[in-house]
């Protein structure tokens, strides 16, 4: 028994043998990759190392080399519940709750608060008015649009439109006709370009952010599903927005459709409208094969923005440790599309999905976002 053990030790000490997976010079590359993306998973580090050096290593092998290179997870200690916030965490100035007075439009004797003003109607009138041959319209197109805005803002059923607005049958017929022709989407596209120019940007975006939101449906029927992750029975609103939070593409589908399955048609619709997009920000649900398909099919630079891992961030020996994460960190770029989802929910018609048809649900999103941009563009500028 002792001779066999001595033989094993001698074989272990014998020079030569299989070379290591990672040469010594690759350790510096591994440190650089961990420093550049401290929240990366081990699988992402394996892929990044393979792209950089061509070395294919497994998770367990990489763990061993990470320890040899002095790279470890730095635990992120969240602030305990009830503890005082860190200095400077609050906003400067008095805290304000509720809407700003500019949001409280009281309307006028003939216009409801959600209706369009003269300045707002002048921006989009040509999209809805027809000057060709045929019978003159029975009701002004502006009143029809005001009635649609009344429904999306108040959330009332079609049959409960006020009597001083055109009959609900005519309003609904025009709404469906404009939905089929994409008038609300065209209105949003025009207003988005105008607002981007006012903000000092080009009319066409070069970066987009994608995310979905699961919402409940009513008893009206129509396609629906169950989102097991969010525990919501209903539909998903898939939005692609620019870095200002302005909608580029909308896709409504049952909630049981995974985000990665809805990403390709959504990004395809955004790319068909804005081929200038080169950068795409997504969350972890679109990582892996979905991100690779987006890169290969649309030639996009896809960046997966992840939350700080519970195990902590990577820290390299000799470098300062990263700052501890906040209890609810605001993720770069991803908060933009999440804010847009909250903008959409402010319209009471969109607090739930009340419609049977998916195209009608998408049309309400276009109209709600167009209504928001109209208020911004027609507001008097100061300064």
Protein backbone atom coordinates (compact mmCIF):
# COMPACT_ATOMS: atom_id res chain seq x y z
CA UNK A 1 0.00 0.00 0.00
CA UNK A 2 2.81 2.44 0.88
CA UNK A 3 4.62 1.66 -2.40
CA UNK A 4 1.49 2.44 -4.45
CA UNK A 5 1.01 5.78 -2.63
CA UNK A 6 4.64 6.68 -3.21
CA UNK A 7 4.23 5.81 -6.88
CA UNK A 8 1.18 8.13 -7.19
CA UNK A 9 3.10 10.99 -5.55
CA UNK A 10 6.02 10.43 -7.88
CA UNK A 11 3.72 10.49 -10.90
CA UNK A 12 2.14 13.75 -9.69
CA UNK A 13 5.55 15.38 -9.33
CA UNK A 14 6.69 14.20 -12.72
CA UNK A 15 7.33 17.21 -14.98
CA UNK A 16 5.30 17.61 -18.15
CA UNK A 17 1.77 16.28 -18.43
CA UNK A 18 -1.31 18.05 -19.79
CA UNK A 19 -0.81 21.83 -20.14
CA UNK A 20 -3.17 24.11 -18.22
CA UNK A 21 -6.34 25.34 -19.89
CA UNK A 22 -5.40 28.96 -19.28
CA UNK A 23 -1.79 30.03 -19.71
CA UNK A 24 -0.34 32.53 -17.29
CA UNK A 25 -0.74 35.45 -19.70
CA UNK A 26 -4.51 34.82 -19.87
CA UNK A 27 -4.85 35.61 -16.17
CA UNK A 28 -4.47 39.33 -16.90
CA UNK A 29 -7.21 39.07 -19.52
CA UNK A 30 -9.47 37.37 -16.96
CA UNK A 31 -8.83 40.17 -14.46
CA UNK A 32 -9.64 42.76 -17.14
CA UNK A 33 -12.92 41.05 -18.03
CA UNK A 34 -14.00 40.79 -14.39
CA UNK A 35 -13.13 44.45 -13.75
CA UNK A 36 -15.00 45.63 -16.86
CA UNK A 37 -18.24 43.80 -15.98
CA UNK A 38 -18.43 43.23 -12.24
CA UNK A 39 -22.01 41.93 -12.33
CA UNK A 40 -21.37 39.30 -15.02
CA UNK A 41 -22.32 35.70 -14.38
CA UNK A 42 -19.79 32.90 -14.56
CA UNK A 43 -21.28 31.74 -17.86
CA UNK A 44 -20.85 35.22 -19.31
CA UNK A 45 -17.23 35.31 -18.18
CA UNK A 46 -16.67 31.92 -19.83
CA UNK A 47 -18.15 33.22 -23.10
CA UNK A 48 -16.21 36.50 -22.93
CA UNK A 49 -12.99 34.61 -22.26
CA UNK A 50 -13.66 32.30 -25.21
CA UNK A 51 -14.34 35.28 -27.50
CA UNK A 52 -11.16 37.01 -26.34
CA UNK A 53 -8.70 34.11 -26.22
CA UNK A 54 -10.43 31.13 -27.83
CA UNK A 55 -10.02 29.07 -24.62
CA UNK A 56 -13.10 26.95 -23.83
CA UNK A 57 -13.40 26.31 -20.09
CA UNK A 58 -16.21 24.97 -17.93
CA UNK A 59 -17.76 26.72 -14.95
CA UNK A 60 -15.84 24.66 -12.40
CA UNK A 61 -12.55 25.23 -14.23
CA UNK A 62 -13.19 28.97 -14.36
CA UNK A 63 -13.96 29.05 -10.64
CA UNK A 64 -10.52 27.58 -9.98
CA UNK A 65 -8.75 30.09 -12.21
CA UNK A 66 -10.71 32.98 -10.70
CA UNK A 67 -9.42 32.01 -7.27
CA UNK A 68 -5.87 31.77 -8.61
CA UNK A 69 -6.17 35.23 -10.20
CA UNK A 70 -7.40 36.78 -6.93
CA UNK A 71 -10.92 37.43 -8.21
CA UNK A 72 -13.84 36.85 -5.86
CA UNK A 73 -17.35 38.02 -5.19
CA UNK A 74 -17.65 41.08 -3.00
CA UNK A 75 -20.85 40.73 -0.94
CA UNK A 76 -23.37 43.53 -1.37
CA UNK A 77 -24.79 44.28 2.06
CA UNK A 78 -28.19 45.92 1.60
CA UNK A 79 -29.40 48.48 4.08
CA UNK A 80 -31.47 46.69 6.77
CA UNK A 81 -35.14 47.50 7.04
CA UNK A 82 -35.80 50.52 9.23
CA UNK A 83 -32.23 51.81 9.06
CA UNK A 84 -31.54 55.44 8.26
CA UNK A 85 -30.82 56.17 4.58
CA UNK A 86 -27.26 57.12 3.65
CA UNK A 87 -26.36 60.84 3.62
CA UNK A 88 -27.44 62.64 0.47
CA UNK A 89 -29.85 59.90 -0.57
CA UNK A 90 -32.90 62.17 -0.55
CA UNK A 91 -33.85 64.74 -3.12
CA UNK A 92 -33.00 68.37 -2.63
CA UNK A 93 -35.86 70.74 -1.94
CA UNK A 94 -39.37 70.14 -0.63
CA UNK A 95 -41.11 66.87 -1.38
CA UNK A 96 -44.02 67.24 -3.82
CA UNK A 97 -46.81 64.69 -4.19
CA UNK A 98 -49.46 64.35 -6.88
CA UNK A 99 -49.72 66.07 -10.22
CA UNK A 100 -48.24 69.40 -11.19
CA UNK A 101 -50.81 72.18 -11.76
CA UNK A 102 -50.02 72.05 -15.48
CA UNK A 103 -51.41 68.50 -15.53
CA UNK A 104 -54.80 69.60 -14.20
CA UNK A 105 -56.43 70.77 -17.41
CA UNK A 106 -59.93 72.03 -16.65
CA UNK A 107 -60.93 72.22 -20.31
CA UNK A 108 -63.30 74.89 -21.60
CA UNK A 109 -67.09 75.21 -22.08
CA UNK A 110 -66.99 72.93 -25.17
CA UNK A 111 -63.93 70.74 -24.54
CA UNK A 112 -63.43 68.04 -21.94
CA UNK A 113 -60.11 67.99 -20.02
CA UNK A 114 -58.81 65.14 -22.19
CA UNK A 115 -59.69 66.80 -25.47
CA UNK A 116 -57.31 68.49 -27.86
CA UNK A 117 -56.63 72.21 -27.77
CA UNK A 118 -56.35 74.29 -30.93
CA UNK A 119 -52.55 74.13 -30.85
CA UNK A 120 -52.58 70.35 -30.35
CA UNK A 121 -55.11 69.75 -33.10
CA UNK A 122 -53.05 71.83 -35.55
CA UNK A 123 -50.17 69.33 -35.18
CA UNK A 124 -52.18 66.26 -36.26
CA UNK A 125 -55.30 67.53 -38.07
CA UNK A 126 -54.12 66.43 -41.53
CA UNK A 127 -53.87 62.79 -40.36
CA UNK A 128 -57.59 62.54 -39.64
CA UNK A 129 -59.29 65.03 -41.93
CA UNK A 130 -60.11 64.05 -45.52
CA UNK A 131 -60.47 66.68 -48.23
CA UNK A 132 -61.10 64.35 -51.16
CA UNK A 133 -64.33 63.66 -53.04
CA UNK A 134 -67.27 62.11 -51.27
CA UNK A 135 -69.95 62.96 -48.78
CA UNK A 136 -68.96 65.59 -46.21
CA UNK A 137 -68.51 64.20 -42.69
CA UNK A 138 -71.55 64.34 -40.46
CA UNK A 139 -69.46 65.06 -37.36
CA UNK A 140 -66.20 67.03 -37.23
CA UNK A 141 -63.14 64.81 -37.11
CA UNK A 142 -61.85 66.77 -34.14
CA UNK A 143 -64.89 65.75 -32.09
CA UNK A 144 -64.31 62.10 -33.04
CA UNK A 145 -60.68 62.30 -31.87
CA UNK A 146 -61.78 64.07 -28.67
CA UNK A 147 -64.23 61.24 -28.01
CA UNK A 148 -61.45 58.66 -28.43
CA UNK A 149 -59.26 60.65 -26.03
CA UNK A 150 -62.17 60.77 -23.57
CA UNK A 151 -62.45 56.97 -23.62
CA UNK A 152 -58.73 56.29 -23.19
CA UNK A 153 -58.35 58.84 -20.39
CA UNK A 154 -61.52 58.06 -18.42
CA UNK A 155 -61.73 54.33 -19.16
CA UNK A 156 -65.48 54.42 -19.83
CA UNK A 157 -67.22 51.92 -22.18
CA UNK A 158 -68.13 53.09 -25.66
CA UNK A 159 -71.84 53.15 -24.86
CA UNK A 160 -71.29 55.54 -21.94
CA UNK A 161 -69.85 58.40 -23.99
CA UNK A 162 -71.39 61.75 -22.99
CA UNK A 163 -74.38 62.81 -25.07
CA UNK A 164 -72.72 66.03 -26.22
CA UNK A 165 -70.09 63.98 -28.09
CA UNK A 166 -70.87 62.21 -31.38
CA UNK A 167 -72.80 58.91 -31.05
CA UNK A 168 -70.67 56.06 -29.84
CA UNK A 169 -71.43 53.98 -32.96
CA UNK A 170 -69.85 56.62 -35.21
CA UNK A 171 -66.93 57.13 -32.84
CA UNK A 172 -66.22 53.41 -32.64
CA UNK A 173 -66.49 52.99 -36.43
CA UNK A 174 -63.96 55.78 -37.00
CA UNK A 175 -61.69 54.41 -34.26
CA UNK A 176 -61.59 50.95 -35.86
CA UNK A 177 -61.05 52.43 -39.33
CA UNK A 178 -58.18 54.59 -38.10
CA UNK A 179 -56.72 51.62 -36.22
CA UNK A 180 -56.65 49.51 -39.38
CA UNK A 181 -54.98 52.35 -41.28
CA UNK A 182 -52.40 52.94 -38.53
CA UNK A 183 -53.35 56.58 -38.00
CA UNK A 184 -52.63 56.56 -34.25
CA UNK A 185 -49.23 54.97 -34.84
CA UNK A 186 -48.46 57.53 -37.53
CA UNK A 187 -49.44 60.29 -35.12
CA UNK A 188 -47.06 58.96 -32.49
CA UNK A 189 -44.23 58.65 -35.03
CA UNK A 190 -44.65 62.26 -36.12
CA UNK A 191 -44.81 63.63 -32.60
CA UNK A 192 -41.84 61.53 -31.49
CA UNK A 193 -39.66 63.01 -34.23
CA UNK A 194 -40.77 66.54 -33.29
CA UNK A 195 -40.01 66.02 -29.62
CA UNK A 196 -36.62 64.47 -30.32
CA UNK A 197 -35.67 67.50 -32.41
CA UNK A 198 -36.78 69.81 -29.61
CA UNK A 199 -34.54 67.86 -27.23
CA UNK A 200 -31.55 68.36 -29.53
CA UNK A 201 -31.51 64.83 -30.96
CA UNK A 202 -31.89 63.43 -34.43
CA UNK A 203 -35.39 62.48 -35.60
CA UNK A 204 -34.41 58.80 -35.85
CA UNK A 205 -33.06 56.99 -32.77
CA UNK A 206 -29.87 54.94 -32.73
CA UNK A 207 -30.56 53.04 -29.48
CA UNK A 208 -33.64 51.27 -28.15
CA UNK A 209 -34.77 49.63 -24.92
CA UNK A 210 -37.10 46.62 -24.78
CA UNK A 211 -39.24 45.31 -21.94
CA UNK A 212 -42.67 43.77 -21.31
CA UNK A 213 -45.40 44.22 -18.73
CA UNK A 214 -48.07 41.67 -17.80
CA UNK A 215 -51.55 43.14 -17.24
CA UNK A 216 -54.82 41.56 -16.27
CA UNK A 217 -57.71 41.24 -18.70
CA UNK A 218 -61.40 41.75 -18.07
CA UNK A 219 -64.28 39.36 -18.69
CA UNK A 220 -64.69 40.62 -22.26
CA UNK A 221 -62.79 37.64 -23.65
CA UNK A 222 -60.13 37.49 -26.32
CA UNK A 223 -56.64 35.95 -26.31
CA UNK A 224 -55.11 35.65 -22.86
CA UNK A 225 -52.65 33.48 -20.95
CA UNK A 226 -51.05 32.99 -17.54
CA UNK A 227 -47.68 34.51 -16.70
CA UNK A 228 -46.27 32.06 -14.17
CA UNK A 229 -43.44 34.42 -13.20
CA UNK A 230 -45.65 37.41 -12.34
CA UNK A 231 -48.71 35.31 -11.37
CA UNK A 232 -50.88 37.35 -13.77
CA UNK A 233 -53.60 35.98 -16.02
CA UNK A 234 -53.98 38.25 -19.01
CA UNK A 235 -51.73 39.74 -21.69
CA UNK A 236 -48.29 41.21 -22.11
CA UNK A 237 -47.54 44.65 -23.44
CA UNK A 238 -44.22 44.47 -25.20
CA UNK A 239 -42.71 47.91 -25.82
CA UNK A 240 -39.62 49.09 -27.67
CA UNK A 241 -38.71 52.68 -26.78
CA UNK A 242 -35.87 55.07 -27.48
CA UNK A 243 -33.61 56.47 -24.76
CA UNK A 244 -36.16 59.23 -24.08
CA UNK A 245 -38.88 56.66 -23.36
CA UNK A 246 -40.85 57.36 -26.56
CA UNK A 247 -42.55 54.31 -28.06
CA UNK A 248 -41.10 52.81 -31.25
CA UNK A 249 -43.04 49.55 -31.48
CA UNK A 250 -45.90 47.86 -29.61
CA UNK A 251 -46.68 44.14 -29.50
CA UNK A 252 -49.62 42.74 -27.51
CA UNK A 253 -49.79 38.97 -26.95
CA UNK A 254 -51.05 36.52 -24.31
CA UNK A 255 -49.13 36.55 -21.05
CA UNK A 256 -47.97 32.93 -21.41
CA UNK A 257 -45.71 33.91 -24.34
CA UNK A 258 -42.15 34.23 -23.07
CA UNK A 259 -40.31 37.52 -23.42
CA UNK A 260 -37.64 35.92 -25.58
CA UNK A 261 -40.30 34.70 -28.04
CA UNK A 262 -41.89 38.12 -28.39
CA UNK A 263 -38.59 39.99 -28.69
CA UNK A 264 -37.81 39.05 -32.32
CA UNK A 265 -41.07 40.32 -33.90
CA UNK A 266 -41.03 43.40 -31.65
CA UNK A 267 -37.46 44.36 -32.55
CA UNK A 268 -38.22 43.55 -36.18
CA UNK A 269 -41.10 46.05 -36.16
CA UNK A 270 -38.88 48.69 -34.53
CA UNK A 271 -36.07 48.07 -37.05
CA UNK A 272 -38.46 48.27 -40.01
CA UNK A 273 -39.56 51.69 -38.79
CA UNK A 274 -36.16 52.95 -37.57
CA UNK A 275 -33.32 51.14 -39.39
CA UNK A 276 -30.86 53.53 -37.72
CA UNK A 277 -31.00 51.55 -34.46
CA UNK A 278 -27.59 50.04 -33.66
CA UNK A 279 -27.75 49.53 -29.87
CA UNK A 280 -30.32 47.54 -27.89
CA UNK A 281 -30.66 47.40 -24.10
CA UNK A 282 -32.51 44.41 -22.63
CA UNK A 283 -32.89 42.70 -19.26
CA UNK A 284 -31.85 39.20 -18.23
CA UNK A 285 -35.01 37.62 -19.70
CA UNK A 286 -33.63 38.33 -23.19
CA UNK A 287 -30.13 37.03 -22.53
CA UNK A 288 -28.54 33.88 -23.88
CA UNK A 289 -29.85 32.54 -27.18
CA UNK A 290 -32.34 35.40 -27.59
CA UNK A 291 -29.58 38.01 -27.44
CA UNK A 292 -27.49 36.02 -29.91
CA UNK A 293 -30.43 35.81 -32.33
CA UNK A 294 -30.99 39.55 -32.09
CA UNK A 295 -27.32 40.18 -32.77
CA UNK A 296 -27.18 37.81 -35.72
CA UNK A 297 -30.53 38.65 -37.35
CA UNK A 298 -30.53 42.42 -37.00
CA UNK A 299 -26.79 43.17 -36.57
CA UNK A 300 -27.38 44.92 -33.24
CA UNK A 301 -25.10 45.56 -30.29
CA UNK A 302 -27.25 43.91 -27.59
CA UNK A 303 -26.37 44.81 -24.00
CA UNK A 304 -27.98 42.75 -21.25
CA UNK A 305 -28.45 45.01 -18.21
CA UNK A 306 -28.62 42.79 -15.14
CA UNK A 307 -29.37 43.49 -11.52
CA UNK A 308 -26.43 43.17 -9.10
CA UNK A 309 -26.17 39.47 -8.21
CA UNK A 310 -27.13 38.46 -4.70
CA UNK A 311 -23.73 36.83 -4.29
CA UNK A 312 -22.06 40.19 -4.91
CA UNK A 313 -19.90 41.84 -7.56
CA UNK A 314 -16.53 40.68 -8.84
CA UNK A 315 -13.54 42.30 -7.18
CA UNK A 316 -9.93 41.86 -8.23
CA UNK A 317 -7.12 41.64 -5.70
CA UNK A 318 -5.34 44.97 -5.42
CA UNK A 319 -8.33 47.00 -6.70
CA UNK A 320 -10.79 48.92 -4.51
CA UNK A 321 -13.98 47.07 -3.65
CA UNK A 322 -17.15 48.28 -5.43
CA UNK A 323 -19.61 50.42 -3.52
CA UNK A 324 -22.47 48.50 -1.89
CA UNK A 325 -25.65 48.29 -3.93
CA UNK A 326 -28.78 50.18 -2.93
CA UNK A 327 -31.79 48.20 -1.67
CA UNK A 328 -33.56 49.04 -4.94
CA UNK A 329 -30.91 49.96 -7.53
CA UNK A 330 -31.95 51.99 -10.57
CA UNK A 331 -30.58 50.07 -13.53
CA UNK A 332 -29.02 52.10 -16.34
CA UNK A 333 -31.21 52.46 -19.44
CA UNK A 334 -33.76 49.88 -18.27
CA UNK A 335 -35.59 52.37 -16.07
CA UNK A 336 -36.54 54.30 -19.22
CA UNK A 337 -38.86 51.62 -20.59
CA UNK A 338 -40.21 50.87 -17.11
CA UNK A 339 -41.15 54.53 -16.79
CA UNK A 340 -42.92 54.33 -20.16
CA UNK A 341 -45.00 51.41 -18.88
CA UNK A 342 -46.06 53.58 -15.95
CA UNK A 343 -46.98 56.37 -18.39
CA UNK A 344 -49.19 53.91 -20.27
CA UNK A 345 -50.96 52.80 -17.09
CA UNK A 346 -51.98 56.37 -16.27
CA UNK A 347 -54.64 56.10 -18.97
CA UNK A 348 -57.48 54.34 -17.19
CA UNK A 349 -58.49 52.43 -20.28
CA UNK A 350 -55.06 50.75 -20.05
CA UNK A 351 -55.04 50.00 -16.32
CA UNK A 352 -56.37 46.61 -17.47
CA UNK A 353 -56.83 45.19 -20.94
CA UNK A 354 -60.56 45.59 -21.57
CA UNK A 355 -60.62 44.78 -25.29
CA UNK A 356 -61.12 41.53 -27.16
CA UNK A 357 -58.86 42.40 -30.09
CA UNK A 358 -55.10 42.73 -29.74
CA UNK A 359 -54.81 45.42 -32.41
CA UNK A 360 -57.32 47.58 -30.53
CA UNK A 361 -55.26 47.20 -27.34
CA UNK A 362 -52.15 48.34 -29.23
CA UNK A 363 -54.04 51.30 -30.71
CA UNK A 364 -54.88 52.56 -27.20
CA UNK A 365 -51.17 52.55 -26.33
CA UNK A 366 -50.36 54.60 -29.42
CA UNK A 367 -53.15 57.07 -28.65
CA UNK A 368 -52.21 57.43 -24.97
CA UNK A 369 -48.57 58.13 -25.81
CA UNK A 370 -49.54 60.53 -28.59
CA UNK A 371 -51.74 62.39 -26.12
CA UNK A 372 -48.76 62.78 -23.78
CA UNK A 373 -46.52 64.15 -26.53
CA UNK A 374 -49.19 66.56 -27.74
CA UNK A 375 -49.34 68.12 -24.29
CA UNK A 376 -45.56 68.51 -24.24
CA UNK A 377 -45.27 69.98 -27.73
CA UNK A 378 -48.16 72.42 -27.40
CA UNK A 379 -47.18 73.62 -23.94
CA UNK A 380 -45.75 77.16 -23.93
CA UNK A 381 -41.96 77.15 -23.65
CA UNK A 382 -40.30 79.20 -20.95
CA UNK A 383 -36.88 80.75 -20.85
